[in-house]
Amino acid sequence: MTETELYSLRPGYDISRVIRGGWQLAGGHGAVDRREAVADLIAFADAGITTFDCADIYTGVENIIGEFRTAYGNVRGSEALARIKVHTKFVPDLDILPKITKGHVEAVIEQSLRRLRMERLDLVQFHWWDYQVPGCVEAALWLKELHQIGKINLLGGTNFDTPHTGELIAAGFPLASMQVQYSLLDARPENGLVELCRKHDVHLLCYGSVAGGFITDRWLGQAEPKPPFENRSLTKYKLIIDDFGGWDLFQHLLRTLRIIADAHGSDIATVASRAMLERPQVGAVIVGARNPSHLKANEAIFKLRLTPKDHVRIGDVLRQRQGPLGDTFTLERDRSGPHGSIMKYNLNRELS
C-alpha cells in the first residue's frame, strides 16, 4: 500500500480508505459459507483493504472476523495482523433504551471482545435510536470509561445528526469518527454535520456510496423498478432515489458517471465512491462485497483520481437534486414515515 491509500483518524491509527463492510456476511443477502468468508477477508487484507466494519447487531459477523484475525495472524504473522483494523458498533435496541445500564454496556463490549478475539477493540461506533429517550449521553460516557481503562482504543458514532453530535462532543465524548450514509444521491451530512466535524477533527466513514448497488452500470438505461424489491437495501435506496429527484434525474447522474468512467477506463461505482473520498472530512468509504469477484473493483477506488472537470460534470447534475432533505438520518428516525417504517430497531432481540 502507498501512503495515499491510508487515512489517519488519530496519530498512530491509520485505516485503509476503502473499508470492507460486514453487513452482507450476516446472511440477509444469501447464505454465507464461513470458510469462504474468512478466505475472502484474507484476500481483501492482502490487497490493502485492511480495515473491516461490523457490529454487535450483524448476526455472526463479529465471530467471522474473529476467525479471520486468527487465521490472518497465523498465515501472515503478527506484523501484518497489526495493520488490520476492525470497527464494530454498540447499537442498543430501541426497546432497551429506557432501561439501559452501565452493566449492559460493559457486557456488550465484553461480548464483542470475545467474538473478535481481541484484548482491546479498535473502534466502537455508538448509535442511539430515539433522541426522545433520555440516557444517550450517559451511555456514551460509559463507553468512554471503557475507553479510559483500555477496553476500547477509539470511539465513534453512527448516524447522529448535527445537534446530537455536538452534544456528544460537548459532553467530552472523544469522538474520532462518525459513520453516516453519504453519497452522490444523499448529501444530508452537508447540512451541518460536515462543518461541525471539520471544527472538531471528526472524520466521516461513509456507507451507501453506491446506494446498495443502484449507482452501478447495472442500472444505467434500465426502466424504473417497482416494489417489491429483492432485499431491504434496495427498498431503502430506491426511496433515496425518489427523494433525490426521481428516476429520470438518477439516470442523468448515471449517464454522467459513465462518461467520466469511460475517460478513466473505470466504471460507475468506482467513480461514485472516489467522488465521495474527495469530499471534505471523508476518511473512507465502506463497501459491501459478498465474494472475491468484488475485490478488483474495490481496489480500483484506490487508484482513480478525478479531475476538476469531472467534479464540474457531477456538480452540474447535483445542482438539480431535490433531496433528501434534513439532517443525517432524520428521515430514518421517523418510524411513521416511509424511510423509518422499513428500519429494524430491535435487532439484538430479533437475532438472539
Protein backbone atom coordinates (compact mmCIF):
# COMPACT_ATOMS: atom_id res chain seq x y z
CA MET A 1 0.00 0.00 0.00
CA THR A 2 1.05 3.59 -0.56
CA GLU A 3 0.68 6.46 1.84
CA THR A 4 -2.19 7.93 -0.16
CA GLU A 5 -4.25 4.79 0.41
CA LEU A 6 -4.20 5.29 4.17
CA TYR A 7 -6.03 7.80 6.32
CA SER A 8 -5.19 8.79 9.87
CA LEU A 9 -8.17 9.00 12.22
CA ARG A 10 -5.81 9.81 15.05
CA PRO A 11 -1.99 9.84 15.36
CA GLY A 12 -0.81 6.26 15.07
CA TYR A 13 -4.19 4.96 13.91
CA ASP A 14 -4.30 4.53 10.15
CA ILE A 15 -7.13 2.95 8.19
CA SER A 16 -7.48 1.96 4.56
CA ARG A 17 -9.58 4.49 2.64
CA VAL A 18 -11.76 1.63 1.45
CA ILE A 19 -13.30 -0.27 4.34
CA ARG A 20 -14.73 -3.74 3.81
CA GLY A 21 -18.28 -3.73 5.16
CA GLY A 22 -19.50 -6.74 7.07
CA TRP A 23 -23.30 -6.48 6.91
CA GLN A 24 -23.51 -8.72 3.83
CA LEU A 25 -21.89 -11.50 5.85
CA ALA A 26 -24.88 -11.51 8.21
CA GLY A 27 -26.95 -13.67 5.84
CA GLY A 28 -29.50 -11.09 4.78
CA HIS A 29 -28.25 -11.23 1.19
CA GLY A 30 -27.93 -15.02 0.99
CA ALA A 31 -26.27 -17.95 2.73
CA VAL A 32 -22.72 -17.43 3.99
CA ASP A 33 -20.01 -20.12 3.97
CA ARG A 34 -17.78 -19.27 6.93
CA ARG A 35 -14.59 -20.78 5.49
CA GLU A 36 -15.07 -18.99 2.19
CA ALA A 37 -15.84 -15.76 4.07
CA VAL A 38 -12.59 -15.98 6.04
CA ALA A 39 -10.58 -16.70 2.88
CA ASP A 40 -12.28 -13.73 1.20
CA LEU A 41 -11.37 -11.40 4.07
CA ILE A 42 -7.75 -12.54 3.86
CA ALA A 43 -7.74 -11.70 0.14
CA PHE A 44 -9.06 -8.21 0.86
CA ALA A 45 -6.43 -7.64 3.54
CA ASP A 46 -3.65 -8.82 1.22
CA ALA A 47 -4.90 -6.34 -1.40
CA GLY A 48 -4.53 -3.41 1.01
CA ILE A 49 -8.12 -3.18 2.24
CA THR A 50 -7.05 -3.65 5.84
CA THR A 51 -9.98 -2.10 7.69
CA PHE A 52 -13.19 -4.00 8.34
CA ASP A 53 -16.57 -2.83 9.61
CA CYS A 54 -19.00 -4.89 11.65
CA ALA A 55 -21.47 -4.52 14.51
CA ASP A 56 -22.92 -6.23 17.53
CA ILE A 57 -26.21 -6.41 15.56
CA TYR A 58 -24.78 -8.11 12.44
CA THR A 59 -25.56 -11.77 13.04
CA GLY A 60 -22.39 -13.83 13.32
CA VAL A 61 -20.16 -11.23 11.64
CA GLU A 62 -18.01 -10.39 14.67
CA ASN A 63 -17.34 -14.13 15.03
CA ILE A 64 -16.36 -14.47 11.37
CA ILE A 65 -13.98 -11.52 11.64
CA GLY A 66 -12.55 -13.00 14.82
CA GLU A 67 -11.81 -16.21 12.92
CA PHE A 68 -10.29 -14.16 10.10
CA ARG A 69 -7.98 -12.31 12.51
CA THR A 70 -6.72 -15.57 13.96
CA ALA A 71 -6.18 -17.08 10.51
CA TYR A 72 -4.52 -13.96 9.16
CA GLY A 73 -2.11 -13.78 12.09
CA ASN A 74 -1.23 -17.44 11.65
CA VAL A 75 -0.65 -17.11 7.90
CA ARG A 76 0.81 -13.61 7.57
CA GLY A 77 2.35 -13.04 11.00
CA SER A 78 1.89 -10.60 13.85
CA GLU A 79 3.25 -7.58 11.97
CA ALA A 80 0.67 -7.99 9.22
CA LEU A 81 -2.07 -8.58 11.78
CA ALA A 82 -1.17 -5.31 13.50
CA ARG A 83 -2.16 -3.44 10.33
CA ILE A 84 -5.67 -4.88 10.46
CA LYS A 85 -8.29 -2.57 11.98
CA VAL A 86 -11.74 -3.76 12.98
CA HIS A 87 -14.52 -1.25 13.55
CA THR A 88 -17.54 -2.55 15.41
CA LYS A 89 -20.61 -0.85 16.86
CA PHE A 90 -22.63 -0.58 20.02
CA VAL A 91 -26.28 -0.37 18.94
CA PRO A 92 -28.64 -0.96 21.86
CA ASP A 93 -32.15 -1.98 20.80
CA LEU A 94 -34.87 0.65 20.80
CA ASP A 95 -36.76 -1.30 23.46
CA ILE A 96 -33.80 -1.31 25.84
CA LEU A 97 -33.00 2.41 25.66
CA PRO A 98 -35.26 3.42 28.59
CA LYS A 99 -33.67 0.82 30.88
CA ILE A 100 -30.09 0.66 29.66
CA THR A 101 -27.48 0.27 32.40
CA LYS A 102 -23.75 0.58 32.70
CA GLY A 103 -23.63 -3.18 33.18
CA HIS A 104 -25.39 -3.74 29.87
CA VAL A 105 -22.88 -1.52 28.06
CA GLU A 106 -19.98 -3.38 29.65
CA ALA A 107 -21.49 -6.77 28.78
CA VAL A 108 -21.93 -5.90 25.10
CA ILE A 109 -18.35 -4.66 24.83
CA GLU A 110 -17.05 -7.82 26.52
CA GLN A 111 -19.12 -9.86 24.07
CA SER A 112 -17.53 -8.04 21.13
CA LEU A 113 -14.07 -8.61 22.58
CA ARG A 114 -14.75 -12.35 22.83
CA ARG A 115 -16.27 -12.62 19.37
CA LEU A 116 -13.48 -10.65 17.70
CA ARG A 117 -10.77 -12.36 19.80
CA MET A 118 -9.27 -9.05 20.79
CA GLU A 119 -7.92 -7.65 24.05
CA ARG A 120 -8.88 -4.11 23.01
CA LEU A 121 -11.43 -3.05 20.41
CA ASP A 122 -10.01 -0.77 17.72
CA LEU A 123 -13.06 1.48 17.24
CA VAL A 124 -16.55 1.26 18.73
CA GLN A 125 -19.23 3.28 16.96
CA PHE A 126 -22.18 4.26 19.15
CA HIS A 127 -25.78 4.60 17.96
CA TRP A 128 -28.94 5.75 19.75
CA TRP A 129 -32.28 5.09 18.05
CA ASP A 130 -34.53 7.67 19.69
CA TYR A 131 -33.39 11.07 20.94
CA GLN A 132 -36.66 11.43 22.88
CA VAL A 133 -35.49 8.66 25.21
CA PRO A 134 -33.09 10.10 27.80
CA GLY A 135 -29.76 8.48 28.56
CA CYS A 136 -27.88 8.85 25.28
CA VAL A 137 -25.02 10.95 26.65
CA GLU A 138 -24.83 8.86 29.82
CA ALA A 139 -24.46 5.66 27.78
CA ALA A 140 -21.80 7.34 25.65
CA LEU A 141 -19.84 8.28 28.76
CA TRP A 142 -19.99 4.68 29.98
CA LEU A 143 -18.29 3.77 26.70
CA LYS A 144 -15.75 6.49 27.42
CA GLU A 145 -14.96 4.82 30.76
CA LEU A 146 -14.25 1.57 28.92
CA HIS A 147 -12.02 3.53 26.56
CA GLN A 148 -10.16 5.02 29.51
CA ILE A 149 -9.42 1.62 31.07
CA GLY A 150 -8.13 0.23 27.78
CA LYS A 151 -11.02 -1.90 26.55
CA ILE A 152 -11.54 0.41 23.54
CA ASN A 153 -8.91 2.30 21.53
CA LEU A 154 -11.06 4.87 19.69
CA LEU A 155 -14.70 5.89 19.93
CA GLY A 156 -17.01 6.95 17.13
CA GLY A 157 -20.65 7.42 16.39
CA THR A 158 -23.11 6.09 13.86
CA ASN A 159 -25.92 8.11 12.25
CA PHE A 160 -26.00 11.00 14.71
CA ASP A 161 -27.38 14.28 13.40
CA THR A 162 -25.57 17.58 13.82
CA PRO A 163 -27.11 18.79 17.14
CA HIS A 164 -26.66 15.44 18.89
CA THR A 165 -23.14 15.02 17.55
CA GLY A 166 -22.48 18.41 19.12
CA GLU A 167 -23.95 17.20 22.42
CA LEU A 168 -21.60 14.23 22.50
CA ILE A 169 -18.61 16.46 21.79
CA ALA A 170 -19.67 18.99 24.43
CA ALA A 171 -20.03 16.20 27.00
CA GLY A 172 -16.41 15.17 26.47
CA PHE A 173 -17.06 12.06 24.41
CA PRO A 174 -13.79 11.65 22.43
CA LEU A 175 -15.38 11.34 19.02
CA ALA A 176 -12.89 10.26 16.36
CA SER A 177 -15.33 9.34 13.60
CA MET A 178 -18.95 9.37 12.54
CA GLN A 179 -20.31 6.67 10.25
CA VAL A 180 -23.06 8.09 8.03
CA GLN A 181 -24.99 7.40 4.87
CA TYR A 182 -23.37 9.75 2.38
CA SER A 183 -23.37 9.52 -1.40
CA LEU A 184 -23.93 11.50 -4.57
CA LEU A 185 -27.63 10.77 -4.00
CA ASP A 186 -27.75 11.54 -0.29
CA ALA A 187 -25.89 14.67 0.79
CA ARG A 188 -27.63 15.21 4.13
CA PRO A 189 -24.32 15.27 6.05
CA GLU A 190 -23.57 18.52 4.21
CA ASN A 191 -26.48 20.18 6.06
CA GLY A 192 -24.31 20.97 9.08
CA LEU A 193 -22.58 17.77 10.12
CA VAL A 194 -19.57 18.07 7.80
CA GLU A 195 -18.73 21.54 9.10
CA LEU A 196 -19.15 20.52 12.75
CA CYS A 197 -16.88 17.52 12.17
CA ARG A 198 -14.30 19.75 10.49
CA LYS A 199 -14.21 22.02 13.53
CA HIS A 200 -13.74 19.14 15.96
CA ASP A 201 -11.45 16.80 13.97
CA VAL A 202 -14.11 14.14 13.50
CA HIS A 203 -13.83 12.06 10.34
CA LEU A 204 -16.68 10.64 8.26
CA LEU A 205 -16.84 6.96 7.37
CA CYS A 206 -19.39 6.71 4.59
CA TYR A 207 -21.72 3.87 3.78
CA GLY A 208 -24.17 3.78 0.89
CA SER A 209 -21.73 5.35 -1.57
CA VAL A 210 -23.21 3.18 -4.34
CA ALA A 211 -26.73 3.13 -2.84
CA GLY A 212 -27.00 -0.59 -2.31
CA GLY A 213 -25.89 -1.27 -5.89
CA PHE A 214 -28.10 1.28 -7.63
CA ILE A 215 -25.18 3.56 -8.56
CA THR A 216 -23.66 0.96 -10.86
CA ASP A 217 -23.58 0.15 -14.55
CA ARG A 218 -26.25 -2.48 -13.96
CA TRP A 219 -28.95 0.21 -13.64
CA LEU A 220 -27.83 2.51 -16.45
CA GLY A 221 -30.62 2.77 -19.02
CA GLN A 222 -32.95 0.49 -17.08
CA ALA A 223 -36.64 1.15 -16.59
CA GLU A 224 -37.67 2.28 -13.13
CA PRO A 225 -38.12 -0.81 -10.93
CA LYS A 226 -41.26 -1.40 -8.92
CA PRO A 227 -41.58 -2.99 -5.49
CA PRO A 228 -41.30 -5.49 -4.02
CA PHE A 229 -37.51 -5.49 -4.24
CA GLU A 230 -35.26 -8.46 -3.62
CA ASN A 231 -33.85 -7.09 -0.35
CA ARG A 232 -34.41 -4.31 2.18
CA SER A 233 -31.32 -2.45 0.99
CA LEU A 234 -32.80 -1.85 -2.48
CA THR A 235 -36.10 -0.78 -0.92
CA LYS A 236 -34.24 1.72 1.25
CA TYR A 237 -32.14 3.26 -1.51
CA LYS A 238 -34.99 3.44 -4.01
CA LEU A 239 -36.65 5.81 -1.52
CA ILE A 240 -33.47 7.91 -1.60
CA ILE A 241 -33.61 7.99 -5.40
CA ASP A 242 -37.20 9.20 -5.21
CA ASP A 243 -36.17 11.97 -2.81
CA PHE A 244 -33.16 12.83 -4.97
CA GLY A 245 -35.42 13.82 -7.83
CA GLY A 246 -36.79 10.63 -9.32
CA TRP A 247 -35.68 8.04 -11.81
CA ASP A 248 -35.04 10.42 -14.73
CA LEU A 249 -32.61 12.59 -12.73
CA PHE A 250 -31.00 9.44 -11.35
CA GLN A 251 -30.46 8.20 -14.92
CA HIS A 252 -28.92 11.56 -15.80
CA LEU A 253 -26.46 11.06 -12.94
CA LEU A 254 -25.61 7.54 -14.11
CA ARG A 255 -25.01 8.75 -17.67
CA THR A 256 -22.71 11.47 -16.38
CA LEU A 257 -20.78 9.00 -14.23
CA ARG A 258 -20.49 6.68 -17.24
CA ILE A 259 -18.91 9.46 -19.32
CA ILE A 260 -16.38 10.07 -16.54
CA ALA A 261 -15.75 6.35 -16.13
CA ASP A 262 -15.08 5.98 -19.87
CA ALA A 263 -12.46 8.71 -19.69
CA HIS A 264 -10.65 6.85 -16.90
CA GLY A 265 -11.19 3.27 -18.08
CA SER A 266 -13.30 2.72 -14.99
CA ASP A 267 -16.90 2.03 -14.01
CA ILE A 268 -19.79 3.94 -12.45
CA ALA A 269 -19.47 2.51 -8.93
CA THR A 270 -15.75 3.27 -8.74
CA VAL A 271 -16.28 6.86 -9.88
CA ALA A 272 -19.12 7.35 -7.37
CA SER A 273 -17.03 6.02 -4.49
CA ARG A 274 -13.97 8.03 -5.48
CA ALA A 275 -16.09 11.18 -5.65
CA MET A 276 -17.06 10.67 -2.01
CA LEU A 277 -13.44 10.12 -0.93
CA GLU A 278 -12.64 13.53 -2.35
CA ARG A 279 -15.31 15.23 -0.21
CA PRO A 280 -14.18 17.25 2.87
CA GLN A 281 -13.82 15.30 6.14
CA VAL A 282 -14.38 11.92 4.46
CA GLY A 283 -11.88 9.39 5.71
CA ALA A 284 -13.14 6.27 3.98
CA VAL A 285 -15.98 4.65 2.10
CA ILE A 286 -17.44 1.38 3.34
CA VAL A 287 -18.05 -1.09 0.54
CA GLY A 288 -20.08 -4.26 0.57
CA ALA A 289 -18.84 -7.45 -1.04
CA ARG A 290 -20.18 -10.96 -0.78
CA ASN A 291 -17.41 -12.70 -2.70
CA PRO A 292 -13.89 -12.18 -4.15
CA SER A 293 -15.29 -11.05 -7.50
CA HIS A 294 -15.85 -7.59 -6.00
CA LEU A 295 -12.25 -7.20 -4.86
CA LYS A 296 -10.74 -5.91 -8.10
CA ALA A 297 -13.42 -3.23 -8.42
CA ASN A 298 -12.90 -2.12 -4.84
CA GLU A 299 -9.12 -1.95 -5.30
CA ALA A 300 -9.70 0.36 -8.28
CA ILE A 301 -11.09 3.04 -5.95
CA PHE A 302 -7.56 3.50 -4.57
CA LYS A 303 -6.08 4.20 -7.99
CA LEU A 304 -8.67 6.52 -9.53
CA ARG A 305 -8.23 10.29 -9.29
CA LEU A 306 -10.96 12.57 -10.58
CA THR A 307 -10.15 15.76 -12.45
CA PRO A 308 -11.62 19.23 -11.79
CA LYS A 309 -13.65 18.77 -14.99
CA ASP A 310 -15.06 15.50 -13.59
CA HIS A 311 -16.21 17.28 -10.45
CA VAL A 312 -17.81 20.07 -12.51
CA ARG A 313 -19.77 17.48 -14.53
CA ILE A 314 -21.01 15.80 -11.36
CA GLY A 315 -21.81 19.14 -9.74
CA ASP A 316 -23.93 20.18 -12.72
CA VAL A 317 -26.18 17.17 -12.09
CA LEU A 318 -26.24 17.53 -8.31
CA ARG A 319 -27.46 21.12 -8.55
CA GLN A 320 -30.73 19.67 -9.86
CA ARG A 321 -31.10 17.48 -6.77
CA GLN A 322 -34.32 17.95 -4.78
CA GLY A 323 -33.38 15.98 -1.68
CA PRO A 324 -33.35 14.06 0.55
CA LEU A 325 -33.87 16.98 2.89
CA GLY A 326 -32.92 17.48 6.51
CA ASP A 327 -30.12 16.31 8.75
CA THR A 328 -28.33 12.99 8.82
CA PHE A 329 -30.62 10.00 9.47
CA THR A 330 -33.59 12.18 10.44
CA LEU A 331 -35.92 10.54 7.92
CA GLU A 332 -34.97 7.09 9.19
CA ARG A 333 -35.82 8.07 12.78
CA ASP A 334 -39.42 8.85 11.83
CA ARG A 335 -40.95 5.44 12.40
CA SER A 336 -44.25 6.53 10.82
CA GLY A 337 -42.61 7.64 7.57
CA PRO A 338 -41.57 5.58 4.55
CA HIS A 339 -37.87 5.57 5.47
CA GLY A 340 -38.35 4.73 9.14
CA SER A 341 -41.05 2.13 8.62
CA ILE A 342 -38.62 -0.27 6.95
CA MET A 343 -35.94 0.04 9.63
CA LYS A 344 -35.32 -2.70 12.21
CA TYR A 345 -34.93 -1.14 15.62
CA ASN A 346 -34.56 -4.21 17.84
CA LEU A 347 -32.04 -6.37 16.01
CA ASN A 348 -30.35 -7.78 19.10
CA ARG A 349 -33.70 -9.09 20.34
CA GLU A 350 -34.74 -10.35 16.92
CA LEU A 351 -31.44 -12.14 16.38
CA SER A 352 -30.96 -13.58 19.85
